[in-house]
Amino acid sequence: MEQALDKGLKAAQARFTGGLSPIALAAAYSDWALHLSSAPGKQLQLVEKAVKKTSRLANYAGMCASNRDTTETCITPLPQDKRFTGEAWQKWPFNVMSQAFLLNQQWWHNATTGVEGVTEQHENVVEFATRQMLDVFSPSNFAMTNPEVLSKTYQQGGMNLLRGWQNFLEDAARVNTGKKPVGAEAFEVGRNLATTAGKVVYRNHLIELIQYAPTTDKVRPEPILIVPAWIMKYYILDLSEQNSLVRYLTSQGFTVFMVSWKNPDAEDRDLGMDDYLSLGIMDALDAVSAITEGQKIHAVGYCLGGTLLSIAAAAMARDNDKRLQTLTLLAAQVDFTEAGELTLFINESQLTYLEDIMWDKGYLDTTQMAGAFQLLRSNDLIWSRVIHDYLMGERSEMNDLMAWNADATRMPYRMHSQYLRQLFLKNDLAEGRYHVGDRPIAISDIRAPVFMVGTERDHVAPWHSVYKFNLLSDTDVTFVLTSGGHNAGIVSEPGHPRRHYRMQSKTKDAPYTDPDRWWTQSQPTDGSWWPALVDWLSDRSGDPVDPPSLGSEGYEPLCDAPGTYVFQE
């Protein structure tokens, strides 16, 4: 009863904290404040910086007052900060406002970093949380201090603010009733999303396995099995007709299978990582092998699905299971020591808090996951939307990727706890402590050649972290770094404008090259990386043969693609 009381209290508290542990945040700020209070040298340095920045701002304000057409600045924002790039921000008094904000932001960065004695985890948390709080007060977020909003308000007689208020009420009503964002109704799975023809040829409690119909007279004998992450619906790899990776691979003469994960509910609270491995990947491999009469398999894993696929490949190598012809990992990590700002939410206090939240329901709710990811890119995903939708009174046109992103999934209690503790917190997989069955596995046991893809602006799986597979593996690795982020960089079809990628191959006997040196040695290539993947797979495939049947004895087609699990809310 006492344990239930503690967990229930934290679960109720989490509704007001967005799933973030207040104790973890307080511990980080206490560590920082106590060490700063005992560092008079750092304090003097901060006072000196404050005086210099104040003087610099005063001089700048005086210059702007005497010459209001000046385009000079006293501080330049970071390249990714686009809030003050408009021409209106270069005019008085808004240029002084933006410069004051940026100088203040820089001072707080100096104050929250470089304090001796503070743990790296706590320093990162304090710097991140302080930056988030400062961003709330950016002059771009308020109508009276945003010149672009003021201009539109003047031109439209305030109608933009009226439309913005209507947008806000509409969005709030949709959130409260569980409806999808405005415009998502124009995209429907099976109608204009996930329309590649195929059949569900296998179903268990956790997955449906889709086999796609061939679109060429001949196909490569080795099939492709795609394992997406269960944190997302599978059809990000089968979006619209023009940007479907599945459709592209079938058009290039490959037989493609796709795992479609069930959206877990409270009854699935005890599903663990072993269940996702056995019911997900191993059952799918058995089905694909039976349908294609024992052909070796090109396995493709995306994000969390790629991590699980790496675990499966290492376990298969340990057990002398040689069914994998190649391994392709898309924005997938096997070492989590450099997993970016997502690790800010990973410590003992935060994980205990998260487990108590999941204990209440049996799963991690979609809104809590979405909130964490939005915080990582608050300027892009939160404040830019506030300005555009509520102050400018406009609506961004919904696209297929945005509609998919709104179709979120849940995470079962046991699996999510094991994943965060064993992989993120303890880094068991990279350090040889992760067990499959009764024995540990090692990434270095994998012998299948590997094609890896990282994305330049990935905030979920930073490419430096993805690249660490090279350090742990003992096989041939072709590493590709493509433009874009975690999702848009992967959904990068041929013909997509302003796309480029870098690619280099390394044999298993070649010396290790660190990621920064790899970058300088790799030349960018314009266009999509998809054709490079097809060429790589073709070089490791047999001569084309007649396509296999859809399903086989023991794996009779159950229904048409996209199946039934994808529709679970």
Protein backbone atom coordinates (compact mmCIF):
# COMPACT_ATOMS: atom_id res chain seq x y z
CA MET A 1 0.00 0.00 0.00
CA GLU A 2 2.84 2.37 0.87
CA GLN A 3 4.52 1.73 -2.49
CA ALA A 4 1.26 2.34 -4.34
CA LEU A 5 0.83 5.61 -2.46
CA ASP A 6 4.30 6.83 -3.49
CA LYS A 7 3.90 5.83 -7.11
CA GLY A 8 0.39 7.20 -7.38
CA LEU A 9 1.48 10.55 -5.94
CA LYS A 10 4.32 10.88 -8.46
CA ALA A 11 2.03 9.88 -11.32
CA ALA A 12 -0.43 12.61 -10.30
CA GLN A 13 2.39 15.11 -9.89
CA ALA A 14 3.71 14.31 -13.38
CA ARG A 15 0.56 15.75 -14.93
CA PHE A 16 1.80 19.18 -13.86
CA THR A 17 5.53 18.68 -14.54
CA GLY A 18 5.25 17.24 -18.04
CA GLY A 19 6.81 13.98 -16.86
CA LEU A 20 10.02 15.66 -15.65
CA SER A 21 11.25 14.86 -12.16
CA PRO A 22 11.35 18.02 -10.00
CA ILE A 23 13.78 16.27 -7.66
CA ALA A 24 16.22 15.57 -10.51
CA LEU A 25 16.01 19.20 -11.60
CA ALA A 26 16.46 20.48 -8.04
CA ALA A 27 19.48 18.21 -7.54
CA ALA A 28 21.12 19.57 -10.69
CA TYR A 29 20.54 23.21 -9.72
CA SER A 30 21.72 22.55 -6.15
CA ASP A 31 24.95 21.00 -7.43
CA TRP A 32 25.52 24.01 -9.67
CA ALA A 33 24.56 26.67 -7.10
CA LEU A 34 26.63 25.18 -4.26
CA HIS A 35 29.75 24.89 -6.39
CA LEU A 36 29.25 28.37 -7.83
CA SER A 37 28.82 29.81 -4.33
CA SER A 38 32.21 28.38 -3.34
CA ALA A 39 33.98 29.67 -6.47
CA PRO A 40 34.75 33.40 -5.95
CA GLY A 41 36.96 33.42 -9.03
CA LYS A 42 34.09 32.27 -11.23
CA GLN A 43 31.81 34.83 -9.57
CA LEU A 44 34.27 37.65 -10.30
CA GLN A 45 34.52 36.45 -13.88
CA LEU A 46 30.72 36.57 -14.23
CA VAL A 47 30.57 40.05 -12.73
CA GLU A 48 33.25 41.18 -15.17
CA LYS A 49 31.34 39.66 -18.09
CA ALA A 50 28.11 41.31 -16.93
CA VAL A 51 29.80 44.73 -16.77
CA LYS A 52 31.37 44.28 -20.22
CA LYS A 53 28.11 43.08 -21.80
CA THR A 54 26.17 45.93 -20.20
CA SER A 55 28.71 48.43 -21.50
CA ARG A 56 28.66 46.88 -24.94
CA LEU A 57 24.86 46.99 -25.04
CA ALA A 58 24.80 50.61 -23.85
CA ASN A 59 27.27 51.64 -26.55
CA TYR A 60 25.24 49.74 -29.14
CA ALA A 61 21.98 51.35 -27.99
CA GLY A 62 23.59 54.78 -28.20
CA MET A 63 24.86 54.11 -31.70
CA CYS A 64 21.40 52.89 -32.79
CA ALA A 65 19.74 55.97 -31.28
CA SER A 66 21.98 58.26 -33.31
CA ASN A 67 21.84 56.17 -36.48
CA ARG A 68 18.66 54.14 -36.64
CA ASP A 69 19.54 52.69 -40.04
CA THR A 70 22.66 50.91 -38.79
CA THR A 71 22.99 47.20 -39.59
CA GLU A 72 25.83 46.54 -37.18
CA THR A 73 25.42 44.11 -34.26
CA CYS A 74 27.28 43.55 -31.02
CA ILE A 75 26.56 39.80 -30.87
CA THR A 76 25.79 37.25 -33.57
CA PRO A 77 23.25 34.49 -32.82
CA LEU A 78 24.15 30.84 -33.28
CA PRO A 79 23.73 29.55 -36.87
CA GLN A 80 20.66 27.48 -35.94
CA ASP A 81 18.93 30.45 -34.24
CA LYS A 82 16.74 32.04 -36.92
CA ARG A 83 14.49 34.12 -34.63
CA PHE A 84 16.06 37.51 -35.41
CA THR A 85 17.15 37.12 -39.03
CA GLY A 86 14.32 39.15 -40.58
CA GLU A 87 14.97 42.65 -41.87
CA ALA A 88 12.56 44.18 -39.34
CA TRP A 89 14.74 42.93 -36.49
CA GLN A 90 17.64 45.07 -37.75
CA LYS A 91 15.76 48.33 -37.09
CA TRP A 92 15.52 50.34 -33.90
CA PRO A 93 14.32 49.58 -31.22
CA PHE A 94 13.95 45.89 -32.06
CA ASN A 95 17.62 45.44 -32.86
CA VAL A 96 18.45 46.62 -29.32
CA MET A 97 15.86 44.24 -27.85
CA SER A 98 17.19 41.22 -29.74
CA GLN A 99 20.80 42.08 -28.93
CA ALA A 100 19.96 42.51 -25.24
CA PHE A 101 18.28 39.11 -25.21
CA LEU A 102 21.21 37.39 -26.95
CA LEU A 103 23.76 39.00 -24.61
CA ASN A 104 21.70 37.91 -21.62
CA GLN A 105 21.44 34.41 -23.03
CA GLN A 106 25.21 34.29 -23.58
CA TRP A 107 25.87 35.45 -20.01
CA TRP A 108 23.66 32.72 -18.57
CA HIS A 109 25.46 30.16 -20.71
CA ASN A 110 28.72 31.36 -19.17
CA ALA A 111 27.15 31.19 -15.71
CA THR A 112 25.80 27.66 -16.04
CA THR A 113 28.88 26.11 -17.63
CA GLY A 114 32.50 25.84 -16.59
CA VAL A 115 31.79 25.73 -12.83
CA GLU A 116 34.42 23.40 -11.40
CA GLY A 117 33.10 20.41 -9.47
CA VAL A 118 29.67 20.22 -11.09
CA THR A 119 29.01 16.83 -12.68
CA GLU A 120 28.70 16.81 -16.45
CA GLN A 121 25.12 15.51 -16.23
CA HIS A 122 24.06 18.28 -13.86
CA GLU A 123 25.84 20.97 -15.86
CA ASN A 124 24.08 19.87 -19.03
CA VAL A 125 20.70 19.79 -17.28
CA VAL A 126 21.16 23.27 -15.75
CA GLU A 127 22.38 24.78 -19.04
CA PHE A 128 19.50 23.18 -20.96
CA ALA A 129 16.79 24.11 -18.42
CA THR A 130 18.05 27.68 -18.11
CA ARG A 131 18.08 28.05 -21.89
CA GLN A 132 14.49 26.77 -22.05
CA MET A 133 13.38 29.28 -19.40
CA LEU A 134 15.14 32.16 -21.16
CA ASP A 135 13.55 31.21 -24.48
CA VAL A 136 10.14 31.82 -22.94
CA PHE A 137 11.03 35.51 -22.61
CA SER A 138 12.48 35.97 -26.09
CA PRO A 139 11.16 39.24 -27.59
CA SER A 140 10.11 37.23 -30.64
CA ASN A 141 7.43 35.47 -28.56
CA PHE A 142 5.39 38.59 -27.72
CA ALA A 143 3.24 40.67 -30.03
CA MET A 144 4.41 44.06 -28.70
CA THR A 145 8.13 43.24 -29.07
CA ASN A 146 8.02 41.34 -32.37
CA PRO A 147 8.23 43.80 -35.29
CA GLU A 148 6.96 41.23 -37.80
CA VAL A 149 3.84 40.61 -35.72
CA LEU A 150 3.34 44.35 -35.19
CA SER A 151 3.59 44.98 -38.92
CA LYS A 152 1.04 42.30 -39.74
CA THR A 153 -1.27 43.54 -36.97
CA TYR A 154 -1.13 47.06 -38.40
CA GLN A 155 -1.69 45.85 -41.97
CA GLN A 156 -4.63 43.61 -41.04
CA GLY A 157 -6.19 45.76 -38.36
CA GLY A 158 -5.63 43.10 -35.71
CA MET A 159 -7.42 40.33 -37.61
CA ASN A 160 -4.29 38.17 -37.37
CA LEU A 161 -4.58 38.19 -33.56
CA LEU A 162 -8.26 37.29 -33.80
CA ARG A 163 -7.46 34.37 -36.12
CA GLY A 164 -4.61 33.40 -33.79
CA TRP A 165 -6.98 33.31 -30.82
CA GLN A 166 -9.36 31.11 -32.83
CA ASN A 167 -6.44 28.85 -33.76
CA PHE A 168 -5.46 28.58 -30.10
CA LEU A 169 -8.99 27.65 -29.02
CA GLU A 170 -9.27 25.10 -31.81
CA ASP A 171 -5.93 23.50 -30.92
CA ALA A 172 -6.77 23.43 -27.22
CA ALA A 173 -10.12 21.76 -27.95
CA ARG A 174 -8.43 19.14 -30.13
CA VAL A 175 -5.84 18.38 -27.44
CA ASN A 176 -8.51 18.06 -24.75
CA THR A 177 -10.64 15.72 -26.88
CA GLY A 178 -7.72 13.66 -28.22
CA LYS A 179 -8.19 14.72 -31.82
CA LYS A 180 -5.32 15.04 -34.29
CA PRO A 181 -3.98 18.46 -35.37
CA VAL A 182 -5.76 20.60 -37.92
CA GLY A 183 -5.22 19.28 -41.44
CA ALA A 184 -4.29 15.72 -40.42
CA GLU A 185 -7.72 14.53 -41.54
CA ALA A 186 -6.60 15.09 -45.15
CA PHE A 187 -4.16 12.19 -44.75
CA GLU A 188 -5.57 8.73 -44.22
CA VAL A 189 -3.73 5.44 -43.87
CA GLY A 190 -4.70 3.15 -46.71
CA ARG A 191 -6.01 6.01 -48.85
CA ASN A 192 -3.08 8.37 -49.43
CA LEU A 193 -0.64 7.03 -46.81
CA ALA A 194 0.75 3.48 -46.70
CA THR A 195 -0.77 2.58 -50.06
CA THR A 196 1.88 0.19 -51.41
CA ALA A 197 0.10 -3.06 -52.34
CA GLY A 198 0.78 -6.10 -50.20
CA LYS A 199 -0.60 -8.67 -47.78
CA VAL A 200 -0.30 -9.30 -44.07
CA VAL A 201 1.22 -12.80 -44.03
CA TYR A 202 1.79 -13.24 -40.30
CA ARG A 203 0.35 -11.88 -37.07
CA ASN A 204 1.11 -12.46 -33.41
CA HIS A 205 0.35 -10.50 -30.25
CA LEU A 206 2.99 -7.87 -31.03
CA ILE A 207 3.44 -7.59 -34.82
CA GLU A 208 1.86 -7.94 -38.20
CA LEU A 209 4.26 -8.86 -41.00
CA ILE A 210 3.48 -7.27 -44.37
CA GLN A 211 4.81 -8.74 -47.61
CA TYR A 212 4.64 -6.26 -50.48
CA ALA A 213 3.64 -7.27 -53.98
CA PRO A 214 6.43 -7.28 -56.58
CA THR A 215 6.41 -4.51 -59.19
CA THR A 216 9.08 -6.00 -61.46
CA ASP A 217 9.13 -9.22 -63.47
CA LYS A 218 12.28 -10.40 -61.68
CA VAL A 219 13.53 -9.76 -58.16
CA ARG A 220 16.71 -10.30 -56.25
CA PRO A 221 16.60 -13.66 -54.48
CA GLU A 222 17.45 -12.13 -51.08
CA PRO A 223 14.41 -10.40 -49.53
CA ILE A 224 14.52 -7.20 -47.46
CA LEU A 225 13.02 -7.22 -43.96
CA ILE A 226 12.42 -3.74 -42.51
CA VAL A 227 12.12 -3.30 -38.74
CA PRO A 228 10.87 0.20 -37.83
CA ALA A 229 10.85 1.59 -34.30
CA TRP A 230 7.78 0.86 -32.20
CA ILE A 231 7.89 4.43 -30.93
CA MET A 232 6.40 5.32 -34.32
CA LYS A 233 3.93 3.87 -36.82
CA TYR A 234 5.74 1.87 -39.51
CA TYR A 235 4.39 3.85 -42.46
CA ILE A 236 6.99 6.60 -42.19
CA LEU A 237 8.82 4.29 -44.61
CA ASP A 238 5.71 3.98 -46.78
CA LEU A 239 4.31 7.51 -46.78
CA SER A 240 2.90 8.91 -50.01
CA GLU A 241 3.58 7.35 -53.38
CA GLN A 242 6.40 9.76 -54.22
CA ASN A 243 8.38 9.34 -50.98
CA SER A 244 7.82 5.72 -49.97
CA LEU A 245 11.05 3.80 -49.34
CA VAL A 246 9.09 0.56 -49.63
CA ARG A 247 7.71 1.48 -53.04
CA TYR A 248 11.17 2.57 -54.18
CA LEU A 249 12.81 -0.70 -53.12
CA THR A 250 10.15 -2.83 -54.80
CA SER A 251 10.56 -0.78 -58.00
CA GLN A 252 14.28 -1.61 -57.92
CA GLY A 253 13.60 -5.34 -57.96
CA PHE A 254 13.54 -6.32 -54.28
CA THR A 255 11.03 -8.37 -52.32
CA VAL A 256 10.19 -6.27 -49.26
CA PHE A 257 8.72 -7.30 -45.91
CA MET A 258 7.75 -4.81 -43.18
CA VAL A 259 7.09 -5.24 -39.46
CA SER A 260 4.04 -3.32 -38.23
CA TRP A 261 4.04 -3.07 -34.42
CA LYS A 262 0.99 -3.24 -32.20
CA ASN A 263 0.22 -0.06 -30.26
CA PRO A 264 0.48 -1.41 -26.68
CA ASP A 265 -2.07 -0.70 -23.97
CA ALA A 266 -2.35 -1.39 -20.23
CA GLU A 267 -2.66 -5.15 -20.81
CA ASP A 268 0.82 -5.14 -22.40
CA ARG A 269 2.59 -3.59 -19.41
CA ASP A 270 4.77 -6.69 -18.85
CA LEU A 271 6.08 -6.95 -22.41
CA GLY A 272 9.87 -6.62 -22.22
CA MET A 273 12.82 -6.24 -24.56
CA ASP A 274 13.05 -10.03 -24.90
CA ASP A 275 9.45 -10.11 -26.10
CA TYR A 276 10.15 -7.47 -28.72
CA LEU A 277 13.16 -9.48 -29.84
CA SER A 278 11.43 -12.86 -30.00
CA LEU A 279 7.91 -11.89 -31.07
CA GLY A 280 9.14 -9.03 -33.24
CA ILE A 281 12.37 -9.77 -35.06
CA MET A 282 12.87 -13.52 -34.65
CA ASP A 283 9.29 -14.46 -35.56
CA ALA A 284 9.49 -12.14 -38.57
CA LEU A 285 12.79 -13.72 -39.68
CA ASP A 286 11.22 -17.18 -39.42
CA ALA A 287 8.29 -16.12 -41.57
CA VAL A 288 10.44 -14.42 -44.21
CA SER A 289 12.77 -17.43 -44.40
CA ALA A 290 9.84 -19.80 -44.85
CA ILE A 291 8.16 -17.69 -47.55
CA THR A 292 11.40 -17.18 -49.53
CA GLU A 293 12.49 -20.81 -49.09
CA GLY A 294 15.53 -20.20 -46.94
CA GLN A 295 17.10 -17.28 -48.78
CA LYS A 296 19.44 -15.09 -46.77
CA ILE A 297 17.90 -11.78 -45.71
CA HIS A 298 18.82 -8.11 -46.05
CA ALA A 299 17.72 -6.75 -42.65
CA VAL A 300 16.96 -3.03 -42.30
CA GLY A 301 16.33 -1.33 -38.94
CA TYR A 302 15.25 2.25 -38.30
CA CYS A 303 15.88 4.14 -35.04
CA LEU A 304 14.92 1.95 -32.06
CA GLY A 305 14.16 -0.84 -34.53
CA GLY A 306 17.78 -0.63 -35.69
CA THR A 307 19.03 -0.95 -32.11
CA LEU A 308 16.88 -4.05 -31.60
CA LEU A 309 18.02 -5.42 -34.95
CA SER A 310 21.66 -4.96 -33.87
CA ILE A 311 20.89 -6.93 -30.70
CA ALA A 312 19.29 -9.67 -32.81
CA ALA A 313 22.24 -9.74 -35.24
CA ALA A 314 24.75 -10.01 -32.39
CA ALA A 315 22.75 -12.82 -30.76
CA MET A 316 22.43 -14.64 -34.09
CA ALA A 317 26.17 -14.33 -34.68
CA ARG A 318 26.85 -15.69 -31.20
CA ASP A 319 24.54 -18.65 -31.88
CA ASN A 320 25.90 -19.30 -35.41
CA ASP A 321 22.60 -18.28 -37.06
CA LYS A 322 23.70 -17.15 -40.54
CA ARG A 323 20.41 -16.00 -42.06
CA LEU A 324 21.44 -12.35 -42.41
CA GLN A 325 23.04 -11.38 -45.71
CA THR A 326 23.49 -7.71 -44.77
CA LEU A 327 22.50 -5.29 -42.04
CA THR A 328 21.28 -1.73 -42.74
CA LEU A 329 20.87 0.60 -39.77
CA LEU A 330 19.07 3.93 -40.22
CA ALA A 331 19.67 6.56 -37.50
CA ALA A 332 20.18 3.75 -34.97
CA GLN A 333 22.46 3.72 -31.93
CA VAL A 334 24.26 0.87 -30.17
CA ASP A 335 26.32 3.09 -27.85
CA PHE A 336 24.42 5.69 -25.82
CA THR A 337 27.21 7.67 -24.17
CA GLU A 338 26.85 10.49 -26.72
CA ALA A 339 23.12 10.33 -27.36
CA GLY A 340 22.68 14.09 -27.32
CA GLU A 341 20.34 16.16 -25.18
CA LEU A 342 17.96 13.21 -24.83
CA THR A 343 20.35 11.92 -22.14
CA LEU A 344 19.37 14.94 -20.01
CA PHE A 345 16.23 12.99 -19.13
CA ILE A 346 18.18 9.85 -18.23
CA ASN A 347 19.39 9.50 -14.63
CA GLU A 348 18.31 7.40 -11.67
CA SER A 349 15.93 10.00 -10.28
CA GLN A 350 14.30 10.73 -13.62
CA LEU A 351 13.96 7.05 -14.56
CA THR A 352 12.38 6.20 -11.20
CA TYR A 353 9.94 9.06 -11.73
CA LEU A 354 9.19 7.84 -15.26
CA GLU A 355 8.66 4.28 -14.04
CA ASP A 356 6.16 5.52 -11.45
CA ILE A 357 4.28 7.35 -14.20
CA MET A 358 4.16 4.20 -16.33
CA TRP A 359 3.25 2.05 -13.31
CA ASP A 360 0.03 4.05 -12.96
CA LYS A 361 -1.13 3.28 -16.53
CA GLY A 362 1.05 0.37 -17.63
CA TYR A 363 2.53 2.39 -20.48
CA LEU A 364 4.14 5.72 -21.33
CA ASP A 365 1.55 8.02 -22.83
CA THR A 366 2.07 9.55 -26.27
CA THR A 367 1.79 13.12 -24.99
CA GLN A 368 4.64 12.64 -22.51
CA MET A 369 6.97 11.32 -25.21
CA ALA A 370 6.00 14.08 -27.62
CA GLY A 371 6.62 16.70 -24.94
CA ALA A 372 10.16 15.48 -24.30
CA PHE A 373 11.05 15.53 -28.00
CA GLN A 374 9.53 18.99 -28.46
CA LEU A 375 11.63 20.36 -25.60
CA LEU A 376 14.79 19.27 -27.42
CA ARG A 377 13.89 21.64 -30.26
CA SER A 378 11.65 24.15 -28.49
CA ASN A 379 12.46 27.05 -30.83
CA ASP A 380 11.49 25.00 -33.88
CA LEU A 381 8.63 22.95 -32.47
CA ILE A 382 7.06 25.15 -29.79
CA TRP A 383 7.83 28.87 -30.01
CA SER A 384 7.94 29.11 -33.79
CA ARG A 385 4.46 27.59 -33.82
CA VAL A 386 3.22 30.05 -31.17
CA ILE A 387 4.42 32.93 -33.33
CA HIS A 388 3.19 31.55 -36.64
CA ASP A 389 -0.19 30.13 -35.56
CA TYR A 390 -1.23 32.39 -32.69
CA LEU A 391 0.46 35.76 -33.29
CA MET A 392 0.59 35.79 -37.08
CA GLY A 393 -2.76 34.01 -37.23
CA GLU A 394 -1.62 31.63 -39.98
CA ARG A 395 -1.71 27.88 -40.41
CA SER A 396 1.12 25.78 -41.81
CA GLU A 397 -0.02 23.43 -44.52
CA MET A 398 -0.11 19.87 -43.23
CA ASN A 399 2.05 17.36 -45.10
CA ASP A 400 2.34 13.59 -44.95
CA LEU A 401 5.32 13.59 -42.58
CA MET A 402 3.54 15.94 -40.16
CA ALA A 403 0.41 13.79 -40.30
CA TRP A 404 2.47 10.68 -39.54
CA ASN A 405 4.16 12.48 -36.64
CA ALA A 406 0.74 13.15 -35.12
CA ASP A 407 -0.10 9.43 -35.23
CA ALA A 408 1.81 8.58 -32.06
CA THR A 409 2.20 5.29 -30.19
CA ARG A 410 2.65 4.20 -26.59
CA MET A 411 5.51 2.36 -24.86
CA PRO A 412 4.84 -0.56 -22.46
CA TYR A 413 6.03 -0.20 -18.87
CA ARG A 414 8.51 -3.08 -18.67
CA MET A 415 10.08 -2.67 -22.10
CA HIS A 416 10.59 1.08 -21.78
CA SER A 417 12.10 0.74 -18.33
CA GLN A 418 14.52 -1.98 -19.52
CA TYR A 419 15.44 -0.01 -22.62
CA LEU A 420 16.23 3.18 -20.73
CA ARG A 421 18.06 1.48 -17.88
CA GLN A 422 20.06 -1.13 -19.76
CA LEU A 423 20.87 0.81 -22.92
CA PHE A 424 20.78 4.51 -22.02
CA LEU A 425 21.71 4.57 -18.32
CA LYS A 426 24.11 1.60 -18.08
CA ASN A 427 25.16 1.32 -21.76
CA ASP A 428 25.10 -2.47 -21.39
CA LEU A 429 24.95 -3.22 -25.12
CA ALA A 430 28.12 -1.31 -26.00
CA GLU A 431 29.99 -2.65 -22.99
CA GLY A 432 29.18 -6.35 -23.46
CA ARG A 433 26.78 -6.76 -20.52
CA TYR A 434 23.50 -7.04 -22.44
CA HIS A 435 22.05 -10.55 -22.17
CA VAL A 436 19.96 -12.38 -24.74
CA GLY A 437 18.88 -15.60 -23.13
CA ASP A 438 21.34 -16.57 -20.43
CA ARG A 439 24.48 -15.16 -22.09
CA PRO A 440 25.77 -11.70 -23.03
CA ILE A 441 26.13 -10.54 -26.63
CA ALA A 442 28.72 -8.34 -28.34
CA ILE A 443 28.36 -6.05 -31.37
CA SER A 444 31.86 -7.16 -32.41
CA ASP A 445 30.47 -10.66 -33.16
CA ILE A 446 28.45 -9.35 -36.14
CA ARG A 447 30.03 -10.43 -39.44
CA ALA A 448 27.34 -9.37 -41.94
CA PRO A 449 28.40 -6.24 -43.88
CA VAL A 450 26.71 -3.11 -42.55
CA PHE A 451 25.27 -0.03 -44.25
CA MET A 452 24.77 2.76 -41.70
CA VAL A 453 22.96 6.06 -42.15
CA GLY A 454 23.22 9.06 -39.83
CA THR A 455 21.59 12.46 -40.34
CA GLU A 456 23.31 15.81 -39.90
CA ARG A 457 20.65 17.50 -37.72
CA ASP A 458 19.48 14.52 -35.70
CA HIS A 459 18.37 15.49 -32.16
CA VAL A 460 17.22 11.95 -31.31
CA ALA A 461 20.21 9.90 -32.52
CA PRO A 462 23.08 12.38 -33.16
CA TRP A 463 25.27 11.18 -35.98
CA HIS A 464 28.41 11.12 -33.83
CA SER A 465 26.58 8.62 -31.62
CA VAL A 466 25.40 6.55 -34.60
CA TYR A 467 28.97 6.57 -35.96
CA LYS A 468 30.25 4.79 -32.83
CA PHE A 469 29.14 1.50 -34.39
CA ASN A 470 32.45 1.73 -36.28
CA LEU A 471 34.34 1.65 -32.99
CA LEU A 472 32.49 -1.42 -31.68
CA SER A 473 32.16 -3.56 -34.80
CA ASP A 474 34.45 -6.03 -36.50
CA THR A 475 32.92 -6.12 -39.96
CA ASP A 476 32.82 -4.11 -43.18
CA VAL A 477 30.91 -0.86 -42.61
CA THR A 478 29.69 1.67 -45.16
CA PHE A 479 28.73 4.87 -43.34
CA VAL A 480 26.47 7.47 -44.92
CA LEU A 481 25.78 10.91 -43.47
CA THR A 482 22.81 12.62 -45.09
CA SER A 483 21.33 16.09 -44.79
CA GLY A 484 18.19 16.58 -42.75
CA GLY A 485 17.01 15.42 -39.35
CA HIS A 486 15.99 12.16 -37.73
CA ASN A 487 12.91 11.70 -39.92
CA ALA A 488 13.28 14.01 -42.92
CA GLY A 489 16.86 12.83 -43.50
CA ILE A 490 15.67 9.23 -43.84
CA VAL A 491 12.61 10.07 -45.94
CA SER A 492 14.83 11.54 -48.65
CA GLU A 493 13.55 10.26 -51.97
CA PRO A 494 15.31 10.88 -55.31
CA GLY A 495 14.34 14.29 -56.64
CA HIS A 496 13.91 15.81 -53.21
CA PRO A 497 15.35 19.34 -53.45
CA ARG A 498 18.43 20.48 -51.53
CA ARG A 499 19.55 17.01 -50.45
CA HIS A 500 23.11 15.73 -50.17
CA TYR A 501 25.04 12.97 -48.46
CA ARG A 502 28.57 11.79 -47.69
CA MET A 503 29.62 8.15 -47.91
CA GLN A 504 32.72 6.11 -47.14
CA SER A 505 33.33 2.40 -46.73
CA LYS A 506 35.67 0.76 -44.22
CA THR A 507 36.83 -2.85 -44.26
CA LYS A 508 36.95 -4.73 -40.98
CA ASP A 509 40.77 -4.66 -40.97
CA ALA A 510 41.07 -0.91 -41.61
CA PRO A 511 42.17 1.37 -38.76
CA TYR A 512 39.54 3.40 -36.94
CA THR A 513 38.81 6.94 -38.17
CA ASP A 514 37.20 9.37 -35.74
CA PRO A 515 33.97 11.07 -36.92
CA ASP A 516 35.43 14.57 -37.33
CA ARG A 517 38.28 13.28 -39.49
CA TRP A 518 35.77 11.16 -41.41
CA TRP A 519 33.83 14.36 -42.13
CA THR A 520 36.86 16.18 -43.52
CA GLN A 521 37.80 13.18 -45.68
CA SER A 522 34.28 12.73 -47.13
CA GLN A 523 33.06 14.80 -50.04
CA PRO A 524 29.35 15.67 -50.28
CA THR A 525 27.30 14.21 -53.12
CA ASP A 526 24.15 15.98 -54.25
CA GLY A 527 20.89 14.07 -54.21
CA SER A 528 19.26 11.23 -52.31
CA TRP A 529 21.15 8.42 -50.57
CA TRP A 530 18.47 5.87 -51.56
CA PRO A 531 20.15 4.94 -54.89
CA ALA A 532 23.43 4.39 -53.00
CA LEU A 533 21.64 1.90 -50.73
CA VAL A 534 20.14 0.08 -53.71
CA ASP A 535 23.57 -0.17 -55.37
CA TRP A 536 25.09 -1.46 -52.14
CA LEU A 537 22.35 -4.08 -51.68
CA SER A 538 22.52 -5.12 -55.36
CA ASP A 539 26.25 -5.73 -55.11
CA ARG A 540 25.55 -8.15 -52.27
CA SER A 541 22.61 -9.92 -53.90
CA GLY A 542 22.27 -12.77 -56.35
CA ASP A 543 21.04 -12.64 -59.94
CA PRO A 544 17.34 -11.77 -60.37
CA VAL A 545 14.83 -14.62 -60.17
CA ASP A 546 11.05 -15.01 -60.32
CA PRO A 547 9.30 -13.30 -57.37
CA PRO A 548 8.16 -15.48 -54.46
CA SER A 549 4.45 -15.94 -53.84
CA LEU A 550 2.63 -13.69 -51.40
CA GLY A 551 2.69 -15.89 -48.33
CA SER A 552 3.21 -19.64 -48.27
CA GLU A 553 2.05 -22.76 -46.51
CA GLY A 554 1.81 -21.87 -42.85
CA TYR A 555 1.89 -18.15 -43.69
CA GLU A 556 -1.30 -17.63 -45.65
CA PRO A 557 -2.29 -14.01 -46.38
CA LEU A 558 -4.55 -12.70 -43.61
CA CYS A 559 -5.64 -9.36 -45.06
CA ASP A 560 -4.48 -6.57 -47.35
CA ALA A 561 -1.77 -4.10 -46.41
CA PRO A 562 -1.56 -1.90 -44.38
CA GLY A 563 -3.08 -4.44 -42.00
CA THR A 564 -4.97 -3.81 -38.76
CA TYR A 565 -2.37 -2.92 -36.10
CA VAL A 566 -1.53 0.37 -37.82
CA PHE A 567 -5.06 1.63 -37.12
CA GLN A 568 -4.87 1.13 -33.36
CA GLU A 569 -5.23 4.44 -31.52
